[in-house]
């Protein structure tokens, strides 16, 4: 990603703590990170070096709101690489799951992906260059009980990504997804305990796969959904 302008959504989150430093190590000119919670910005800064700060711009943005997304993209000179990490999950049996929670999962996982890809693509097409990497889930291809909303929304992320890959054939734009199983983040340890955490996917490991897909080396990889399951 040398000399590229990179957008990392969710760059201050649990997965972002592993991905953002790896992105910075790949040599981009700039890294733009939208955020909602400034406390998470401070947490990310605490693991970076002062030299990294010169290349990062933090922009407050609500990725479920199209106007906010459009403003975010318009503030960037270029979008050469989009790495979309924003997402989350909730658990519940289908017959007990509220429609409000269902819509929230679609908003958080699928609708943010649509909005950020839509507006990033406009800039990428202007320059005939782009790398889009989204985060699906193992549940997108192997749905599990009590995760219907999460799995359905992540399956949508994969389908959307592959549709974009097809739309951008014959351009220098690629779109691919990674499919992690459980990621070893503080939030997941708190929710599920730490007994099997050593078998989960480390954020830094997933970051290597993501950054490969975002690089020149992956220019011929389009529409892939790459499983990153760790040891489970």
C-alpha atoms as a PDB file:
ATOM      1  CA  UNK A   1       0.000   0.000   0.000  1.00  0.00           C
ATOM      2  CA  UNK A   2       2.979   2.287  -0.435  1.00  0.00           C
ATOM      3  CA  UNK A   3       1.942   5.853  -1.327  1.00  0.00           C
ATOM      4  CA  UNK A   4      -1.755   4.943  -1.203  1.00  0.00           C
ATOM      5  CA  UNK A   5      -4.605   6.766   0.557  1.00  0.00           C
ATOM      6  CA  UNK A   6      -6.346   4.249   2.807  1.00  0.00           C
ATOM      7  CA  UNK A   7      -9.720   4.362   4.559  1.00  0.00           C
ATOM      8  CA  UNK A   8     -10.074   2.022   7.538  1.00  0.00           C
ATOM      9  CA  UNK A   9     -13.539   1.950   9.069  1.00  0.00           C
ATOM     10  CA  UNK A  10     -13.627   0.450  12.536  1.00  0.00           C
ATOM     11  CA  UNK A  11      -9.931   1.227  12.794  1.00  0.00           C
ATOM     12  CA  UNK A  12     -10.252   2.123  16.474  1.00  0.00           C
ATOM     13  CA  UNK A  13     -12.214  -1.028  17.424  1.00  0.00           C
ATOM     14  CA  UNK A  14     -11.044  -4.362  18.758  1.00  0.00           C
ATOM     15  CA  UNK A  15     -10.116  -5.713  15.322  1.00  0.00           C
ATOM     16  CA  UNK A  16      -8.802  -2.309  14.299  1.00  0.00           C
ATOM     17  CA  UNK A  17      -6.190  -2.436  17.066  1.00  0.00           C
ATOM     18  CA  UNK A  18      -4.599  -5.283  15.124  1.00  0.00           C
ATOM     19  CA  UNK A  19      -5.299  -4.067  11.593  1.00  0.00           C
ATOM     20  CA  UNK A  20      -4.427  -0.367  11.803  1.00  0.00           C
ATOM     21  CA  UNK A  21      -0.764  -0.829  12.838  1.00  0.00           C
ATOM     22  CA  UNK A  22      -0.349  -3.423  10.061  1.00  0.00           C
ATOM     23  CA  UNK A  23      -1.805  -0.991   7.522  1.00  0.00           C
ATOM     24  CA  UNK A  24       0.547   1.761   8.679  1.00  0.00           C
ATOM     25  CA  UNK A  25       3.509  -0.604   8.357  1.00  0.00           C
ATOM     26  CA  UNK A  26       2.584  -1.129   4.684  1.00  0.00           C
ATOM     27  CA  UNK A  27       3.637   2.440   3.865  1.00  0.00           C
ATOM     28  CA  UNK A  28       0.496   4.365   2.881  1.00  0.00           C
ATOM     29  CA  UNK A  29       0.642   8.129   2.400  1.00  0.00           C
ATOM     30  CA  UNK A  30      -2.439   8.617   4.566  1.00  0.00           C
ATOM     31  CA  UNK A  31      -4.870   6.596   6.654  1.00  0.00           C
ATOM     32  CA  UNK A  32      -8.321   7.994   7.370  1.00  0.00           C
ATOM     33  CA  UNK A  33     -10.212   6.516  10.304  1.00  0.00           C
ATOM     34  CA  UNK A  34     -13.826   7.482  11.053  1.00  0.00           C
ATOM     35  CA  UNK A  35     -14.959   7.202  14.654  1.00  0.00           C
ATOM     36  CA  UNK A  36     -17.947   7.646  16.961  1.00  0.00           C
ATOM     37  CA  UNK A  37     -16.222   7.241  20.334  1.00  0.00           C
ATOM     38  CA  UNK A  38     -13.189   9.434  20.990  1.00  0.00           C
ATOM     39  CA  UNK A  39     -12.159   7.176  23.887  1.00  0.00           C
ATOM     40  CA  UNK A  40     -11.422   4.492  21.281  1.00  0.00           C
ATOM     41  CA  UNK A  41      -9.294   6.979  19.336  1.00  0.00           C
ATOM     42  CA  UNK A  42      -7.180   7.538  22.432  1.00  0.00           C
ATOM     43  CA  UNK A  43      -6.900   3.779  22.955  1.00  0.00           C
ATOM     44  CA  UNK A  44      -5.589   3.316  19.400  1.00  0.00           C
ATOM     45  CA  UNK A  45      -3.142   6.202  19.761  1.00  0.00           C
ATOM     46  CA  UNK A  46      -1.687   4.543  22.851  1.00  0.00           C
ATOM     47  CA  UNK A  47      -0.355   1.623  20.773  1.00  0.00           C
ATOM     48  CA  UNK A  48       0.975   3.694  17.864  1.00  0.00           C
ATOM     49  CA  UNK A  49       4.198   5.640  17.498  1.00  0.00           C
ATOM     50  CA  UNK A  50       4.275   9.456  17.270  1.00  0.00           C
ATOM     51  CA  UNK A  51       5.505   9.135  13.672  1.00  0.00           C
ATOM     52  CA  UNK A  52       2.273   7.348  12.765  1.00  0.00           C
ATOM     53  CA  UNK A  53       0.127  10.300  13.822  1.00  0.00           C
ATOM     54  CA  UNK A  54       1.333  12.435  10.911  1.00  0.00           C
ATOM     55  CA  UNK A  55      -0.303  10.031   8.458  1.00  0.00           C
ATOM     56  CA  UNK A  56      -3.621   9.484  10.251  1.00  0.00           C
ATOM     57  CA  UNK A  57      -6.688  11.664  10.081  1.00  0.00           C
ATOM     58  CA  UNK A  58      -9.531  10.875  12.475  1.00  0.00           C
ATOM     59  CA  UNK A  59     -12.962  12.048  11.282  1.00  0.00           C
ATOM     60  CA  UNK A  60     -16.175  11.756  13.301  1.00  0.00           C
ATOM     61  CA  UNK A  61     -18.766   9.907  11.226  1.00  0.00           C
ATOM     62  CA  UNK A  62     -21.903   7.810  11.568  1.00  0.00           C
ATOM     63  CA  UNK A  63     -21.611   5.091   8.935  1.00  0.00           C
ATOM     64  CA  UNK A  64     -25.318   4.237   9.119  1.00  0.00           C
ATOM     65  CA  UNK A  65     -26.146   7.742   7.826  1.00  0.00           C
ATOM     66  CA  UNK A  66     -25.574   8.366   4.113  1.00  0.00           C
ATOM     67  CA  UNK A  67     -24.965  12.095   4.508  1.00  0.00           C
ATOM     68  CA  UNK A  68     -22.286  11.439   7.107  1.00  0.00           C
ATOM     69  CA  UNK A  69     -20.629   8.826   4.887  1.00  0.00           C
ATOM     70  CA  UNK A  70     -20.700  11.143   1.881  1.00  0.00           C
ATOM     71  CA  UNK A  71     -19.111  13.928   3.933  1.00  0.00           C
ATOM     72  CA  UNK A  72     -16.391  11.536   5.121  1.00  0.00           C
ATOM     73  CA  UNK A  73     -15.487  10.488   1.578  1.00  0.00           C
ATOM     74  CA  UNK A  74     -15.567  14.067   0.278  1.00  0.00           C
ATOM     75  CA  UNK A  75     -12.965  15.046   2.880  1.00  0.00           C
ATOM     76  CA  UNK A  76     -10.519  12.534   1.423  1.00  0.00           C
ATOM     77  CA  UNK A  77      -8.268  13.472  -1.486  1.00  0.00           C
ATOM     78  CA  UNK A  78      -8.462   9.927  -2.855  1.00  0.00           C
ATOM     79  CA  UNK A  79      -9.691   6.538  -1.728  1.00  0.00           C
ATOM     80  CA  UNK A  80      -7.216   4.000  -3.042  1.00  0.00           C
ATOM     81  CA  UNK A  81      -7.970   1.340  -0.436  1.00  0.00           C
ATOM     82  CA  UNK A  82     -11.097   0.704   1.619  1.00  0.00           C
ATOM     83  CA  UNK A  83     -10.811  -1.690   4.543  1.00  0.00           C
ATOM     84  CA  UNK A  84     -14.232  -1.980   6.169  1.00  0.00           C
ATOM     85  CA  UNK A  85     -14.036  -3.452   9.662  1.00  0.00           C
ATOM     86  CA  UNK A  86     -17.237  -2.069  11.199  1.00  0.00           C
ATOM     87  CA  UNK A  87     -19.626  -4.739  12.444  1.00  0.00           C
ATOM     88  CA  UNK A  88     -20.979  -6.578  15.440  1.00  0.00           C
ATOM     89  CA  UNK A  89     -23.206  -9.445  16.561  1.00  0.00           C
ATOM     90  CA  UNK A  90     -26.029 -10.253  18.922  1.00  0.00           C
ATOM     91  CA  UNK A  91     -27.566 -13.548  19.959  1.00  0.00           C
ATOM     92  CA  UNK A  92     -31.172 -14.679  20.162  1.00  0.00           C
ATOM     93  CA  UNK A  93     -33.559 -17.398  19.043  1.00  0.00           C
ATOM     94  CA  UNK A  94     -35.468 -16.402  15.932  1.00  0.00           C
ATOM     95  CA  UNK A  95     -38.909 -16.642  17.517  1.00  0.00           C
ATOM     96  CA  UNK A  96     -37.754 -14.442  20.407  1.00  0.00           C
ATOM     97  CA  UNK A  97     -35.644 -11.970  18.454  1.00  0.00           C
ATOM     98  CA  UNK A  98     -37.036  -8.444  18.183  1.00  0.00           C
ATOM     99  CA  UNK A  99     -37.497  -6.780  14.814  1.00  0.00           C
ATOM    100  CA  UNK A 100     -35.687  -3.744  16.225  1.00  0.00           C
ATOM    101  CA  UNK A 101     -32.596  -5.865  16.935  1.00  0.00           C
ATOM    102  CA  UNK A 102     -32.888  -7.510  13.513  1.00  0.00           C
ATOM    103  CA  UNK A 103     -32.838  -4.124  11.788  1.00  0.00           C
ATOM    104  CA  UNK A 104     -29.955  -2.983  13.980  1.00  0.00           C
ATOM    105  CA  UNK A 105     -27.844  -5.939  12.827  1.00  0.00           C
ATOM    106  CA  UNK A 106     -28.626  -5.187   9.184  1.00  0.00           C
ATOM    107  CA  UNK A 107     -27.737  -1.535   9.749  1.00  0.00           C
ATOM    108  CA  UNK A 108     -24.470  -2.254  11.525  1.00  0.00           C
ATOM    109  CA  UNK A 109     -23.190  -5.061   9.307  1.00  0.00           C
ATOM    110  CA  UNK A 110     -24.766  -4.721   5.872  1.00  0.00           C
ATOM    111  CA  UNK A 111     -26.001  -1.173   5.430  1.00  0.00           C
ATOM    112  CA  UNK A 112     -22.723   0.384   6.575  1.00  0.00           C
ATOM    113  CA  UNK A 113     -20.953  -1.824   4.039  1.00  0.00           C
ATOM    114  CA  UNK A 114     -23.248  -0.680   1.245  1.00  0.00           C
ATOM    115  CA  UNK A 115     -22.893   3.019   2.070  1.00  0.00           C
ATOM    116  CA  UNK A 116     -19.121   3.054   2.501  1.00  0.00           C
ATOM    117  CA  UNK A 117     -18.583   0.956  -0.637  1.00  0.00           C
ATOM    118  CA  UNK A 118     -20.999   3.056  -2.690  1.00  0.00           C
ATOM    119  CA  UNK A 119     -19.282   6.351  -1.978  1.00  0.00           C
ATOM    120  CA  UNK A 120     -15.730   4.970  -1.990  1.00  0.00           C
ATOM    121  CA  UNK A 121     -16.378   3.386  -5.391  1.00  0.00           C
ATOM    122  CA  UNK A 122     -17.270   6.772  -6.860  1.00  0.00           C
ATOM    123  CA  UNK A 123     -13.783   8.064  -6.004  1.00  0.00           C
ATOM    124  CA  UNK A 124     -12.064   4.849  -7.053  1.00  0.00           C
ATOM    125  CA  UNK A 125     -13.738   4.889 -10.464  1.00  0.00           C
ATOM    126  CA  UNK A 126     -12.539   8.454 -11.053  1.00  0.00           C
ATOM    127  CA  UNK A 127      -8.943   7.228 -10.734  1.00  0.00           C
ATOM    128  CA  UNK A 128      -9.430   3.672 -12.083  1.00  0.00           C
ATOM    129  CA  UNK A 129      -7.829   2.236  -8.975  1.00  0.00           C
ATOM    130  CA  UNK A 130      -9.184   0.666  -5.831  1.00  0.00           C
ATOM    131  CA  UNK A 131      -8.915  -2.167  -3.351  1.00  0.00           C
ATOM    132  CA  UNK A 132     -11.984  -3.019  -1.284  1.00  0.00           C
ATOM    133  CA  UNK A 133     -11.755  -5.494   1.588  1.00  0.00           C
ATOM    134  CA  UNK A 134     -14.807  -6.297   3.687  1.00  0.00           C
ATOM    135  CA  UNK A 135     -15.243  -8.503   6.735  1.00  0.00           C
ATOM    136  CA  UNK A 136     -17.848 -11.237   6.446  1.00  0.00           C
ATOM    137  CA  UNK A 137     -17.936 -14.141   8.857  1.00  0.00           C
ATOM    138  CA  UNK A 138     -17.765 -17.895   8.990  1.00  0.00           C
ATOM    139  CA  UNK A 139     -21.441 -17.574   9.854  1.00  0.00           C
ATOM    140  CA  UNK A 140     -22.080 -16.138   6.395  1.00  0.00           C
ATOM    141  CA  UNK A 141     -21.395 -19.554   4.874  1.00  0.00           C
ATOM    142  CA  UNK A 142     -22.006 -21.782   7.924  1.00  0.00           C
ATOM    143  CA  UNK A 143     -24.953 -20.174   9.748  1.00  0.00           C
ATOM    144  CA  UNK A 144     -25.466 -21.113  13.365  1.00  0.00           C
ATOM    145  CA  UNK A 145     -28.470 -21.181  15.661  1.00  0.00           C
ATOM    146  CA  UNK A 146     -29.322 -18.032  17.629  1.00  0.00           C
ATOM    147  CA  UNK A 147     -27.255 -15.987  15.173  1.00  0.00           C
ATOM    148  CA  UNK A 148     -29.805 -15.617  12.382  1.00  0.00           C
ATOM    149  CA  UNK A 149     -29.618 -11.822  12.123  1.00  0.00           C
ATOM    150  CA  UNK A 150     -25.835 -11.774  12.308  1.00  0.00           C
ATOM    151  CA  UNK A 151     -25.370 -14.576   9.791  1.00  0.00           C
ATOM    152  CA  UNK A 152     -27.938 -13.138   7.368  1.00  0.00           C
ATOM    153  CA  UNK A 153     -26.363  -9.687   7.486  1.00  0.00           C
ATOM    154  CA  UNK A 154     -22.848 -11.069   7.020  1.00  0.00           C
ATOM    155  CA  UNK A 155     -24.020 -13.257   4.120  1.00  0.00           C
ATOM    156  CA  UNK A 156     -25.301 -10.021   2.620  1.00  0.00           C
ATOM    157  CA  UNK A 157     -21.857  -8.454   3.063  1.00  0.00           C
ATOM    158  CA  UNK A 158     -20.263 -11.297   1.111  1.00  0.00           C
ATOM    159  CA  UNK A 159     -22.890 -11.137  -1.657  1.00  0.00           C
ATOM    160  CA  UNK A 160     -22.531  -7.360  -1.927  1.00  0.00           C
ATOM    161  CA  UNK A 161     -18.736  -7.631  -2.109  1.00  0.00           C
ATOM    162  CA  UNK A 162     -18.895 -10.260  -4.839  1.00  0.00           C
ATOM    163  CA  UNK A 163     -21.435  -8.195  -6.787  1.00  0.00           C
ATOM    164  CA  UNK A 164     -19.056  -5.217  -6.650  1.00  0.00           C
ATOM    165  CA  UNK A 165     -16.230  -7.459  -7.855  1.00  0.00           C
ATOM    166  CA  UNK A 166     -18.343  -8.410 -10.855  1.00  0.00           C
ATOM    167  CA  UNK A 167     -19.340  -4.797 -11.538  1.00  0.00           C
ATOM    168  CA  UNK A 168     -15.708  -3.668 -11.531  1.00  0.00           C
ATOM    169  CA  UNK A 169     -14.344  -6.220 -13.983  1.00  0.00           C
ATOM    170  CA  UNK A 170     -12.094  -4.627 -16.616  1.00  0.00           C
ATOM    171  CA  UNK A 171     -11.036  -1.929 -14.139  1.00  0.00           C
ATOM    172  CA  UNK A 172      -8.129  -1.730 -11.704  1.00  0.00           C
ATOM    173  CA  UNK A 173     -10.551  -2.097  -8.796  1.00  0.00           C
ATOM    174  CA  UNK A 174     -10.924  -5.299  -6.792  1.00  0.00           C
ATOM    175  CA  UNK A 175     -13.323  -6.338  -4.040  1.00  0.00           C
ATOM    176  CA  UNK A 176     -12.828  -9.275  -1.683  1.00  0.00           C
ATOM    177  CA  UNK A 177     -14.043 -10.450   1.716  1.00  0.00           C
ATOM    178  CA  UNK A 178     -12.468 -12.289   4.615  1.00  0.00           C
ATOM    179  CA  UNK A 179     -14.501 -14.770   6.668  1.00  0.00           C
ATOM    180  CA  UNK A 180     -13.144 -14.957  10.203  1.00  0.00           C
ATOM    181  CA  UNK A 181     -14.438 -17.261  12.875  1.00  0.00           C
ATOM    182  CA  UNK A 182     -14.253 -15.872  16.439  1.00  0.00           C
ATOM    183  CA  UNK A 183     -11.755 -13.021  16.634  1.00  0.00           C
ATOM    184  CA  UNK A 184      -9.697 -12.701  19.807  1.00  0.00           C
ATOM    185  CA  UNK A 185     -10.823  -9.238  20.902  1.00  0.00           C
ATOM    186  CA  UNK A 186     -11.426  -7.931  24.430  1.00  0.00           C
ATOM    187  CA  UNK A 187     -15.167  -7.736  23.723  1.00  0.00           C
ATOM    188  CA  UNK A 188     -15.327 -11.389  22.634  1.00  0.00           C
ATOM    189  CA  UNK A 189     -13.337 -12.523  25.658  1.00  0.00           C
ATOM    190  CA  UNK A 190     -15.737 -10.648  27.889  1.00  0.00           C
ATOM    191  CA  UNK A 191     -18.800 -12.087  26.152  1.00  0.00           C
ATOM    192  CA  UNK A 192     -17.635 -15.693  25.777  1.00  0.00           C
ATOM    193  CA  UNK A 193     -14.935 -16.181  28.368  1.00  0.00           C
ATOM    194  CA  UNK A 194     -11.265 -16.923  27.760  1.00  0.00           C
ATOM    195  CA  UNK A 195     -11.192 -20.717  27.980  1.00  0.00           C
ATOM    196  CA  UNK A 196     -10.764 -21.255  24.209  1.00  0.00           C
ATOM    197  CA  UNK A 197      -9.368 -17.847  23.275  1.00  0.00           C
ATOM    198  CA  UNK A 198      -5.993 -19.311  22.297  1.00  0.00           C
ATOM    199  CA  UNK A 199      -7.758 -21.065  19.390  1.00  0.00           C
ATOM    200  CA  UNK A 200      -9.470 -17.935  18.082  1.00  0.00           C
ATOM    201  CA  UNK A 201      -8.210 -15.786  15.214  1.00  0.00           C
ATOM    202  CA  UNK A 202      -5.749 -13.139  16.355  1.00  0.00           C
ATOM    203  CA  UNK A 203      -6.467  -9.643  14.969  1.00  0.00           C
ATOM    204  CA  UNK A 204      -2.857  -9.364  13.830  1.00  0.00           C
ATOM    205  CA  UNK A 205      -3.164 -12.610  11.859  1.00  0.00           C
ATOM    206  CA  UNK A 206      -6.381 -11.511  10.176  1.00  0.00           C
ATOM    207  CA  UNK A 207      -4.703  -8.172   9.459  1.00  0.00           C
ATOM    208  CA  UNK A 208      -2.076  -9.909   7.339  1.00  0.00           C
ATOM    209  CA  UNK A 209      -4.746 -11.480   5.126  1.00  0.00           C
ATOM    210  CA  UNK A 210      -6.640  -8.193   4.854  1.00  0.00           C
ATOM    211  CA  UNK A 211      -3.525  -6.229   3.944  1.00  0.00           C
ATOM    212  CA  UNK A 212      -2.570  -8.779   1.295  1.00  0.00           C
ATOM    213  CA  UNK A 213      -5.968  -8.349  -0.348  1.00  0.00           C
ATOM    214  CA  UNK A 214      -5.514  -4.570  -0.156  1.00  0.00           C
ATOM    215  CA  UNK A 215      -2.114  -4.709  -1.850  1.00  0.00           C
ATOM    216  CA  UNK A 216      -0.802  -4.737  -5.399  1.00  0.00           C
ATOM    217  CA  UNK A 217       0.116  -8.393  -4.929  1.00  0.00           C
ATOM    218  CA  UNK A 218      -3.602  -9.292  -4.937  1.00  0.00           C
ATOM    219  CA  UNK A 219      -4.480  -7.434  -8.139  1.00  0.00           C
ATOM    220  CA  UNK A 220      -5.786 -10.635  -9.730  1.00  0.00           C
ATOM    221  CA  UNK A 221      -7.934 -11.690  -6.761  1.00  0.00           C
ATOM    222  CA  UNK A 222     -11.566 -10.632  -7.272  1.00  0.00           C
ATOM    223  CA  UNK A 223     -14.713 -11.686  -5.488  1.00  0.00           C
ATOM    224  CA  UNK A 224     -12.953 -14.038  -3.093  1.00  0.00           C
ATOM    225  CA  UNK A 225     -14.407 -14.980   0.297  1.00  0.00           C
ATOM    226  CA  UNK A 226     -11.389 -16.203   2.207  1.00  0.00           C
ATOM    227  CA  UNK A 227     -11.914 -18.327   5.324  1.00  0.00           C
ATOM    228  CA  UNK A 228      -9.743 -17.364   8.297  1.00  0.00           C
ATOM    229  CA  UNK A 229     -10.946 -19.787  10.937  1.00  0.00           C
ATOM    230  CA  UNK A 230      -8.019 -20.080  13.327  1.00  0.00           C
ATOM    231  CA  UNK A 231      -8.083 -23.382  15.168  1.00  0.00           C
ATOM    232  CA  UNK A 232     -11.822 -23.871  15.620  1.00  0.00           C
END
